[in-house]
Amino acid sequence: MDSCRAGVGAQRTRAQDGTWDIWLTYCAAHSVDPLLATVPDPIPYLQVFAQRFRDGRLAKNGNPLRARSVEDTLHAVGQTMASMGATDKRLVGKSLDYRLNQQIAGYRRADPAPTRVTPASLRLIDYGYEVARLSGAALLLATVDMAYIGFFYLNRPGEYYEPTSPDSLSAPFCLCDVELSIGSCVFNVAFATLE
């Protein structure tokens, strides 16, 4: 069981455990087996659970959730059932039950369109570097250097460097990963003065 949990990742495992605890409380309030083994039609219990998660009554922070979060919550409950050797009651064969599928589709239609943020293009920063280099202004060059550092800090670091281990793919950069230099002179960022 521990090996299976380790395969999912610590943060996701904690989230699933929290969801399962909420599921257990919900089932206890309705006097129903949490594995739904004795329930002839388990889907209505899952639908009500999903609706209460959606409107915030069962959500951890009490706020309404989007369709994807509700779907993830139901998935966590089903996967926990399966990890205990029971049947994932959300599924009919390998597909999500029609009623749950339609409920989640309705949530998606009701959700506002996602607001997507496009990350700054590296080409834009490269263009800024060329402008700064041609101007020769130290302030502009320093600003572009900080823009490069900001770009790599704020985007996914695993996409921009050679990872040393599988865990380092999602790890943020640390101060020790940053090097500042002027020409061939490299400064230790932990001890260098502002001057």
Protein backbone atom coordinates (compact mmCIF):
# COMPACT_ATOMS: atom_id res chain seq x y z
CA MET A 1 0.00 0.00 0.00
CA ASP A 2 2.83 2.39 0.90
CA SER A 3 4.58 1.64 -2.41
CA CYS A 4 1.39 2.42 -4.33
CA ARG A 5 0.97 5.66 -2.38
CA ALA A 6 4.59 6.62 -3.07
CA GLY A 7 3.96 6.22 -6.80
CA VAL A 8 1.34 8.96 -6.71
CA GLY A 9 3.44 11.58 -4.92
CA ALA A 10 3.26 12.95 -1.40
CA GLN A 11 1.18 16.06 -2.11
CA ARG A 12 -1.40 14.22 -4.21
CA THR A 13 -1.57 11.43 -1.61
CA ARG A 14 -2.32 13.96 1.13
CA ALA A 15 -5.02 15.55 -1.02
CA GLN A 16 -6.60 12.16 -1.72
CA ASP A 17 -6.46 11.27 1.98
CA GLY A 18 -8.26 14.52 2.81
CA THR A 19 -10.89 13.81 0.17
CA TRP A 20 -11.35 10.28 1.50
CA ASP A 21 -11.84 11.63 5.03
CA ILE A 22 -14.59 13.94 3.74
CA TRP A 23 -16.12 10.97 1.89
CA LEU A 24 -16.09 8.91 5.11
CA THR A 25 -17.85 11.70 7.01
CA TYR A 26 -20.43 12.04 4.22
CA CYS A 27 -21.09 8.27 4.20
CA ALA A 28 -21.37 8.14 7.99
CA ALA A 29 -23.96 10.96 7.91
CA HIS A 30 -26.03 8.90 5.46
CA SER A 31 -25.40 5.55 7.18
CA VAL A 32 -23.93 4.02 4.05
CA ASP A 33 -20.90 1.79 3.51
CA PRO A 34 -18.02 3.99 2.20
CA LEU A 35 -17.14 1.34 -0.40
CA LEU A 36 -20.81 1.32 -1.51
CA ALA A 37 -20.64 -2.47 -1.69
CA THR A 38 -24.12 -2.97 -0.21
CA VAL A 39 -25.81 -0.16 -2.16
CA PRO A 40 -27.80 -1.38 -5.19
CA ASP A 41 -27.34 1.92 -7.08
CA PRO A 42 -24.35 3.88 -5.74
CA ILE A 43 -24.44 6.65 -8.36
CA PRO A 44 -26.99 8.90 -6.57
CA TYR A 45 -24.72 8.96 -3.49
CA LEU A 46 -21.79 9.98 -5.68
CA GLN A 47 -23.93 12.59 -7.45
CA VAL A 48 -25.03 14.23 -4.21
CA PHE A 49 -21.45 14.12 -2.93
CA ALA A 50 -20.28 15.79 -6.15
CA GLN A 51 -22.99 18.46 -5.92
CA ARG A 52 -22.13 19.25 -2.31
CA PHE A 53 -18.45 19.49 -3.22
CA ARG A 54 -19.36 21.71 -6.17
CA ASP A 55 -21.40 24.18 -4.12
CA GLY A 56 -18.80 24.27 -1.34
CA ARG A 57 -20.69 22.49 1.44
CA LEU A 58 -18.14 19.66 1.50
CA ALA A 59 -15.14 21.49 0.00
CA LYS A 60 -12.18 21.89 2.32
CA ASN A 61 -12.25 25.70 2.18
CA GLY A 62 -16.04 26.01 1.89
CA ASN A 63 -15.85 27.71 -1.51
CA PRO A 64 -17.64 26.49 -4.65
CA LEU A 65 -15.44 24.47 -7.00
CA ARG A 66 -15.11 24.20 -10.75
CA ALA A 67 -16.07 21.10 -12.71
CA ARG A 68 -12.49 19.84 -13.00
CA SER A 69 -12.02 19.93 -9.22
CA VAL A 70 -15.26 18.00 -8.70
CA GLU A 71 -14.16 15.44 -11.27
CA ASP A 72 -10.78 15.10 -9.51
CA THR A 73 -12.57 14.64 -6.18
CA LEU A 74 -14.75 11.84 -7.54
CA HIS A 75 -11.67 10.30 -9.13
CA ALA A 76 -9.85 10.35 -5.77
CA VAL A 77 -12.78 8.59 -4.09
CA GLY A 78 -12.97 5.96 -6.84
CA GLN A 79 -9.24 5.37 -6.84
CA THR A 80 -9.19 4.98 -3.07
CA MET A 81 -11.96 2.39 -3.34
CA ALA A 82 -9.94 0.55 -5.99
CA SER A 83 -6.75 0.70 -3.90
CA MET A 84 -8.63 -1.12 -1.15
CA GLY A 85 -9.56 -3.93 -3.53
CA ALA A 86 -13.16 -2.76 -3.99
CA THR A 87 -14.79 -1.75 -7.26
CA ASP A 88 -14.56 1.88 -8.37
CA LYS A 89 -18.30 2.59 -8.24
CA ARG A 90 -18.03 5.64 -10.54
CA LEU A 91 -17.32 3.42 -13.49
CA VAL A 92 -19.38 1.23 -15.76
CA GLY A 93 -16.78 -0.98 -17.36
CA LYS A 94 -13.93 1.45 -18.04
CA SER A 95 -16.13 4.51 -18.59
CA LEU A 96 -17.57 7.01 -16.15
CA ASP A 97 -21.25 6.33 -15.43
CA TYR A 98 -23.51 8.26 -17.82
CA ARG A 99 -25.25 10.17 -15.01
CA LEU A 100 -21.98 11.36 -13.46
CA ASN A 101 -20.60 12.18 -16.88
CA GLN A 102 -23.62 14.37 -17.70
CA GLN A 103 -23.50 16.04 -14.28
CA ILE A 104 -19.84 17.01 -14.75
CA ALA A 105 -20.54 18.14 -18.32
CA GLY A 106 -23.27 20.41 -16.95
CA TYR A 107 -20.79 21.86 -14.45
CA ARG A 108 -18.33 22.54 -17.28
CA ARG A 109 -20.96 24.40 -19.28
CA ALA A 110 -21.88 26.48 -16.23
CA ASP A 111 -18.26 27.34 -15.37
CA PRO A 112 -16.90 30.62 -16.71
CA ALA A 113 -14.26 30.37 -19.41
CA PRO A 114 -10.80 29.85 -17.94
CA THR A 115 -8.56 32.88 -17.81
CA ARG A 116 -5.32 31.84 -19.36
CA VAL A 117 -2.11 33.75 -18.84
CA THR A 118 0.39 33.49 -21.65
CA PRO A 119 3.93 33.48 -20.30
CA ALA A 120 6.35 36.07 -21.55
CA SER A 121 8.09 34.92 -24.67
CA LEU A 122 11.81 34.29 -24.42
CA ARG A 123 12.11 35.97 -27.82
CA LEU A 124 10.75 39.18 -26.30
CA ILE A 125 13.43 39.11 -23.62
CA ASP A 126 16.06 38.32 -26.29
CA TYR A 127 14.86 41.38 -28.21
CA GLY A 128 15.16 43.45 -25.02
CA TYR A 129 18.71 42.20 -24.61
CA GLU A 130 19.63 43.31 -28.15
CA VAL A 131 18.16 46.77 -27.52
CA ALA A 132 20.01 47.04 -24.20
CA ARG A 133 23.28 45.84 -25.72
CA LEU A 134 23.07 48.34 -28.58
CA SER A 135 22.30 51.17 -26.16
CA GLY A 136 25.15 50.19 -23.86
CA ALA A 137 23.19 51.48 -20.86
CA ALA A 138 24.15 49.56 -17.71
CA LEU A 139 20.66 49.95 -16.23
CA LEU A 140 19.00 48.46 -19.31
CA LEU A 141 21.47 45.56 -19.38
CA ALA A 142 20.88 44.85 -15.68
CA THR A 143 17.11 45.04 -16.23
CA VAL A 144 17.29 42.48 -19.05
CA ASP A 145 19.48 40.22 -16.89
CA MET A 146 16.83 40.34 -14.17
CA ALA A 147 14.14 39.64 -16.79
CA TYR A 148 16.01 36.47 -17.80
CA ILE A 149 16.29 35.36 -14.18
CA GLY A 150 12.62 36.18 -13.58
CA PHE A 151 11.61 34.24 -16.68
CA PHE A 152 13.33 31.09 -15.50
CA TYR A 153 12.12 31.47 -11.91
CA LEU A 154 8.50 32.08 -12.80
CA ASN A 155 8.14 29.43 -15.49
CA ARG A 156 8.52 25.73 -14.91
CA PRO A 157 12.17 25.26 -14.04
CA GLY A 158 12.20 21.62 -15.15
CA GLU A 159 11.78 22.74 -18.76
CA TYR A 160 14.91 24.87 -18.79
CA TYR A 161 17.70 22.95 -17.14
CA GLU A 162 19.22 19.48 -16.91
CA PRO A 163 17.52 17.78 -13.93
CA THR A 164 19.77 15.85 -11.58
CA SER A 165 16.98 13.61 -10.29
CA PRO A 166 13.29 12.92 -11.04
CA ASP A 167 12.33 14.98 -7.96
CA SER A 168 14.17 18.05 -9.29
CA LEU A 169 11.87 18.34 -12.32
CA SER A 170 9.32 20.35 -10.36
CA ALA A 171 11.65 21.88 -7.79
CA PRO A 172 12.04 25.66 -8.01
CA PHE A 173 15.41 27.24 -8.55
CA CYS A 174 17.38 28.14 -5.44
CA LEU A 175 19.76 31.01 -4.89
CA CYS A 176 22.65 28.58 -5.39
CA ASP A 177 21.36 27.94 -8.95
CA VAL A 178 21.81 31.60 -9.93
CA GLU A 179 25.10 33.00 -11.14
CA LEU A 180 25.77 36.70 -11.67
CA SER A 181 28.76 37.83 -13.67
CA ILE A 182 30.34 40.80 -15.38
CA GLY A 183 32.44 39.58 -18.25
CA SER A 184 34.53 36.70 -16.94
CA CYS A 185 34.21 37.77 -13.29
CA VAL A 186 31.64 35.57 -11.50
CA PHE A 187 30.12 36.86 -8.25
CA ASN A 188 28.97 34.75 -5.35
CA VAL A 189 25.37 35.94 -5.01
CA ALA A 190 25.27 35.01 -1.32
CA PHE A 191 28.12 37.39 -0.43
CA ALA A 192 28.35 39.96 -3.24
CA THR A 193 27.56 43.56 -2.29
CA LEU A 194 25.09 45.59 -4.31
CA GLU A 195 27.95 47.61 -5.73
